[in-house]
Amino acid sequence: MKSFVVVALLLSCIFINLAFADYEDHAITKVTYGSIVKLGHVPTKFRLHSHKVSYGNTGGGSGQQSVTGFPDNDDTNSLWTIKAAHGEYKPQGTIVKNGDTIRLIHLNTKKNLHSHLAVSPLTKNNEVSCFGENGEGDTGDNWKVELIDSKEWNRSSVFRLQHIDTKAYMVANANAKYQHPIPGQLEVSCVAKKNDDGKWKVEEGIYFEEREDL
């Protein structure tokens, strides 16, 4: 009898998990503030990623925490929380719209996706780094969402991120690949003109339902 109860409980848990997975995958279609997401680079399928590995501070580098493209989709260092612009607030569940200015806070290190005029190691473009402490940084953490085919950010939307301070676009390229100490990861940088290397979309994550204001 005990064995039957245990098996029944296990089957119930599996059913609940499968049902939740289906809900998570299909029911919530909009991208909202507060969601914790992975950003996929459309041309390479790599995920936007950061970790406790810093850039050098010689040759134009900033010495800040590095940002890369990561080949696998199962690493928690590729999770980012969507927040409002520096000094602003948006309630969790508010839909992100085309042209909104956002911050992306790295979930594990609590630093903000950042750019500036420091030089990236491989391509010598503008460096993309992680900056700040516990989500507090500066205007260099602000990014404009440029949706390519929609006015509201859907989970299927392809988009670009334009850095507000420098007006440059975040890109990656399969030919700009690191060796030691992070072999196989892509350089992520910013360039002045938009191109296909700057196309991204949201992938895995925890998505919050659209807020219904009373």
Protein backbone atom coordinates (compact mmCIF):
# COMPACT_ATOMS: atom_id res chain seq x y z
CA MET A 1 0.00 0.00 0.00
CA LYS A 2 2.81 2.38 0.93
CA SER A 3 4.53 1.66 -2.39
CA PHE A 4 1.32 2.47 -4.26
CA VAL A 5 0.98 5.80 -2.41
CA VAL A 6 4.58 6.75 -3.18
CA VAL A 7 4.17 5.91 -6.86
CA ALA A 8 0.91 7.89 -7.02
CA LEU A 9 2.56 10.91 -5.43
CA LEU A 10 5.48 10.74 -7.85
CA LEU A 11 3.13 10.51 -10.83
CA SER A 12 1.16 13.50 -9.50
CA CYS A 13 4.35 15.54 -9.17
CA ILE A 14 5.40 14.64 -12.70
CA PHE A 15 1.96 15.62 -14.04
CA ILE A 16 2.04 18.95 -12.19
CA ASN A 17 5.53 19.71 -13.49
CA LEU A 18 4.51 18.90 -17.05
CA ALA A 19 1.39 21.04 -16.76
CA PHE A 20 3.41 23.94 -15.36
CA ALA A 21 5.98 23.56 -18.14
CA ASP A 22 3.21 23.77 -20.74
CA TYR A 23 1.79 26.88 -19.04
CA GLU A 24 5.24 28.45 -18.81
CA ASP A 25 6.00 27.77 -22.45
CA HIS A 26 2.75 28.89 -24.02
CA ALA A 27 0.38 30.85 -21.80
CA ILE A 28 2.48 33.96 -21.14
CA THR A 29 3.34 35.55 -24.47
CA LYS A 30 4.43 39.07 -23.46
CA VAL A 31 7.79 40.09 -21.99
CA THR A 32 7.25 42.13 -18.84
CA TYR A 33 9.31 44.05 -16.31
CA GLY A 34 10.53 41.79 -13.51
CA SER A 35 10.86 38.75 -15.78
CA ILE A 36 14.08 36.75 -15.47
CA VAL A 37 15.19 35.69 -18.93
CA LYS A 38 17.96 34.37 -21.12
CA LEU A 39 18.74 36.36 -24.26
CA GLY A 40 19.58 34.31 -27.32
CA HIS A 41 21.80 35.70 -30.07
CA VAL A 42 19.79 34.96 -33.22
CA PRO A 43 22.67 34.28 -35.68
CA THR A 44 24.65 31.94 -33.37
CA LYS A 45 22.07 30.68 -30.81
CA PHE A 46 24.53 31.55 -28.01
CA ARG A 47 23.13 33.02 -24.77
CA LEU A 48 24.10 36.42 -23.33
CA HIS A 49 26.26 35.51 -20.34
CA SER A 50 28.38 36.91 -17.54
CA HIS A 51 30.53 35.49 -14.74
CA LYS A 52 33.17 36.49 -12.22
CA VAL A 53 35.86 36.88 -14.88
CA SER A 54 37.05 40.44 -15.45
CA TYR A 55 38.43 42.18 -18.52
CA GLY A 56 42.02 43.38 -18.38
CA ASN A 57 42.58 47.02 -17.52
CA THR A 58 45.39 47.54 -20.02
CA GLY A 59 45.06 48.25 -23.74
CA GLY A 60 41.88 50.22 -23.25
CA GLY A 61 39.97 47.62 -21.21
CA SER A 62 37.93 48.62 -18.16
CA GLY A 63 38.77 45.83 -15.72
CA GLN A 64 35.03 45.33 -15.16
CA GLN A 65 33.19 41.99 -15.14
CA SER A 66 33.12 40.51 -18.63
CA VAL A 67 30.06 39.70 -20.74
CA THR A 68 30.16 36.95 -23.36
CA GLY A 69 28.08 34.71 -25.59
CA PHE A 70 27.77 31.22 -24.07
CA PRO A 71 27.14 28.12 -26.21
CA ASP A 72 24.85 26.19 -23.83
CA ASN A 73 21.36 27.07 -22.66
CA ASP A 74 21.45 25.46 -19.20
CA ASP A 75 23.77 27.83 -17.29
CA THR A 76 22.29 30.13 -14.64
CA ASN A 77 24.99 32.72 -15.40
CA SER A 78 22.94 33.51 -18.51
CA LEU A 79 19.90 34.76 -16.54
CA TRP A 80 19.03 38.49 -16.51
CA THR A 81 16.28 40.40 -14.71
CA ILE A 82 14.48 43.08 -16.75
CA LYS A 83 14.23 46.37 -14.85
CA ALA A 84 13.32 49.97 -15.67
CA ALA A 85 15.93 52.57 -16.62
CA HIS A 86 18.42 53.87 -14.05
CA GLY A 87 16.57 55.92 -11.45
CA GLU A 88 13.13 54.81 -12.68
CA TYR A 89 10.61 52.18 -11.65
CA LYS A 90 8.18 49.93 -13.50
CA PRO A 91 5.86 47.53 -11.61
CA GLN A 92 6.41 43.83 -12.15
CA GLY A 93 4.17 42.62 -14.95
CA THR A 94 4.21 45.86 -16.96
CA ILE A 95 4.68 45.01 -20.65
CA VAL A 96 7.94 46.21 -22.20
CA LYS A 97 7.18 48.24 -25.33
CA ASN A 98 9.16 49.18 -28.40
CA GLY A 99 11.46 52.09 -27.55
CA ASP A 100 11.43 51.49 -23.78
CA THR A 101 14.67 52.06 -21.91
CA ILE A 102 15.54 49.12 -19.68
CA ARG A 103 18.31 47.70 -17.54
CA LEU A 104 19.33 44.04 -17.48
CA ILE A 105 20.60 42.91 -14.08
CA HIS A 106 22.73 39.77 -14.02
CA LEU A 107 20.92 37.40 -11.67
CA ASN A 108 23.92 35.74 -10.04
CA THR A 109 26.25 38.71 -9.54
CA LYS A 110 23.65 41.53 -9.24
CA LYS A 111 25.62 43.70 -11.67
CA ASN A 112 24.06 45.60 -14.58
CA LEU A 113 24.63 45.05 -18.29
CA HIS A 114 26.75 48.09 -19.16
CA SER A 115 28.71 49.70 -21.97
CA HIS A 116 31.05 52.64 -22.46
CA LEU A 117 33.93 53.71 -24.69
CA ALA A 118 36.41 51.22 -23.24
CA VAL A 119 37.82 48.90 -25.93
CA SER A 120 36.71 45.28 -26.31
CA PRO A 121 39.54 42.69 -26.30
CA LEU A 122 39.11 41.03 -29.71
CA THR A 123 37.33 43.35 -32.15
CA LYS A 124 38.29 46.66 -30.50
CA ASN A 125 34.65 47.74 -30.56
CA ASN A 126 33.03 49.33 -27.52
CA GLU A 127 33.26 47.00 -24.55
CA VAL A 128 30.14 45.47 -22.98
CA SER A 129 30.58 44.69 -19.30
CA CYS A 130 28.70 44.21 -16.04
CA PHE A 131 28.86 47.14 -13.63
CA GLY A 132 27.49 48.33 -10.31
CA GLU A 133 26.55 46.64 -7.05
CA ASN A 134 23.20 45.06 -6.14
CA GLY A 135 21.58 46.53 -9.23
CA GLU A 136 22.78 50.08 -8.53
CA GLY A 137 24.90 51.63 -11.28
CA ASP A 138 24.64 54.64 -13.59
CA THR A 139 23.20 55.73 -16.94
CA GLY A 140 25.73 53.50 -18.71
CA ASP A 141 23.40 50.64 -17.74
CA ASN A 142 20.51 51.94 -19.88
CA TRP A 143 19.51 50.17 -23.11
CA LYS A 144 16.75 50.96 -25.59
CA VAL A 145 14.68 48.04 -26.85
CA GLU A 146 14.26 48.21 -30.63
CA LEU A 147 11.67 45.63 -31.64
CA ILE A 148 11.95 44.67 -35.28
CA ASP A 149 8.41 43.47 -35.99
CA SER A 150 6.13 44.51 -33.12
CA LYS A 151 5.16 47.35 -30.79
CA GLU A 152 5.09 45.22 -27.63
CA TRP A 153 7.82 42.79 -26.63
CA ASN A 154 6.52 39.29 -27.35
CA ARG A 155 8.48 36.18 -26.51
CA SER A 156 8.84 35.52 -30.24
CA SER A 157 10.05 39.06 -31.03
CA VAL A 158 13.46 39.69 -32.57
CA PHE A 159 15.00 42.88 -31.23
CA ARG A 160 18.12 44.98 -30.95
CA LEU A 161 19.54 46.66 -27.84
CA GLN A 162 20.89 50.17 -28.34
CA HIS A 163 23.08 51.58 -25.60
CA ILE A 164 21.61 54.93 -24.58
CA ASP A 165 24.82 56.81 -23.69
CA THR A 166 26.90 55.79 -26.72
CA LYS A 167 24.06 55.11 -29.24
CA ALA A 168 25.84 51.87 -30.20
CA TYR A 169 24.22 48.45 -30.72
CA MET A 170 25.07 45.27 -28.81
CA VAL A 171 26.43 42.55 -31.12
CA ALA A 172 28.23 39.21 -31.19
CA ASN A 173 29.87 37.30 -34.02
CA ALA A 174 30.93 33.66 -34.37
CA ASN A 175 34.35 34.77 -35.64
CA ALA A 176 35.15 36.69 -32.44
CA LYS A 177 35.70 33.77 -30.07
CA TYR A 178 37.78 33.73 -26.89
CA GLN A 179 40.51 31.26 -26.02
CA HIS A 180 42.00 31.06 -22.49
CA PRO A 181 40.51 31.47 -19.87
CA ILE A 182 37.00 31.20 -21.37
CA PRO A 183 37.49 29.09 -24.52
CA GLY A 184 34.59 28.87 -26.95
CA GLN A 185 32.72 31.87 -25.61
CA LEU A 186 31.97 34.79 -27.92
CA GLU A 187 32.95 38.39 -27.43
CA VAL A 188 29.94 40.67 -26.92
CA SER A 189 30.55 44.30 -27.87
CA CYS A 190 28.82 47.41 -29.24
CA VAL A 191 29.07 48.91 -32.72
CA ALA A 192 27.87 52.19 -34.20
CA LYS A 193 25.62 50.79 -36.93
CA LYS A 194 22.84 48.23 -36.62
CA ASN A 195 23.34 44.93 -38.45
CA ASP A 196 22.32 41.28 -38.26
CA ASP A 197 24.95 40.57 -35.57
CA GLY A 198 22.80 42.69 -33.26
CA LYS A 199 19.65 40.54 -33.43
CA TRP A 200 18.50 38.95 -30.17
CA LYS A 201 15.41 37.23 -28.75
CA VAL A 202 14.32 36.01 -25.34
CA GLU A 203 14.57 32.30 -24.68
CA GLU A 204 14.33 30.36 -21.40
CA GLY A 205 13.22 32.17 -18.27
CA ILE A 206 10.63 33.02 -15.65
CA TYR A 207 7.98 35.23 -17.20
CA PHE A 208 5.46 37.23 -15.21
CA GLU A 209 1.91 37.74 -16.40
CA GLU A 210 0.75 41.09 -17.70
CA ARG A 211 -0.19 43.43 -14.87
CA GLU A 212 -3.86 44.38 -14.70
CA ASP A 213 -4.08 47.89 -13.26
CA LEU A 214 -7.25 48.48 -11.28
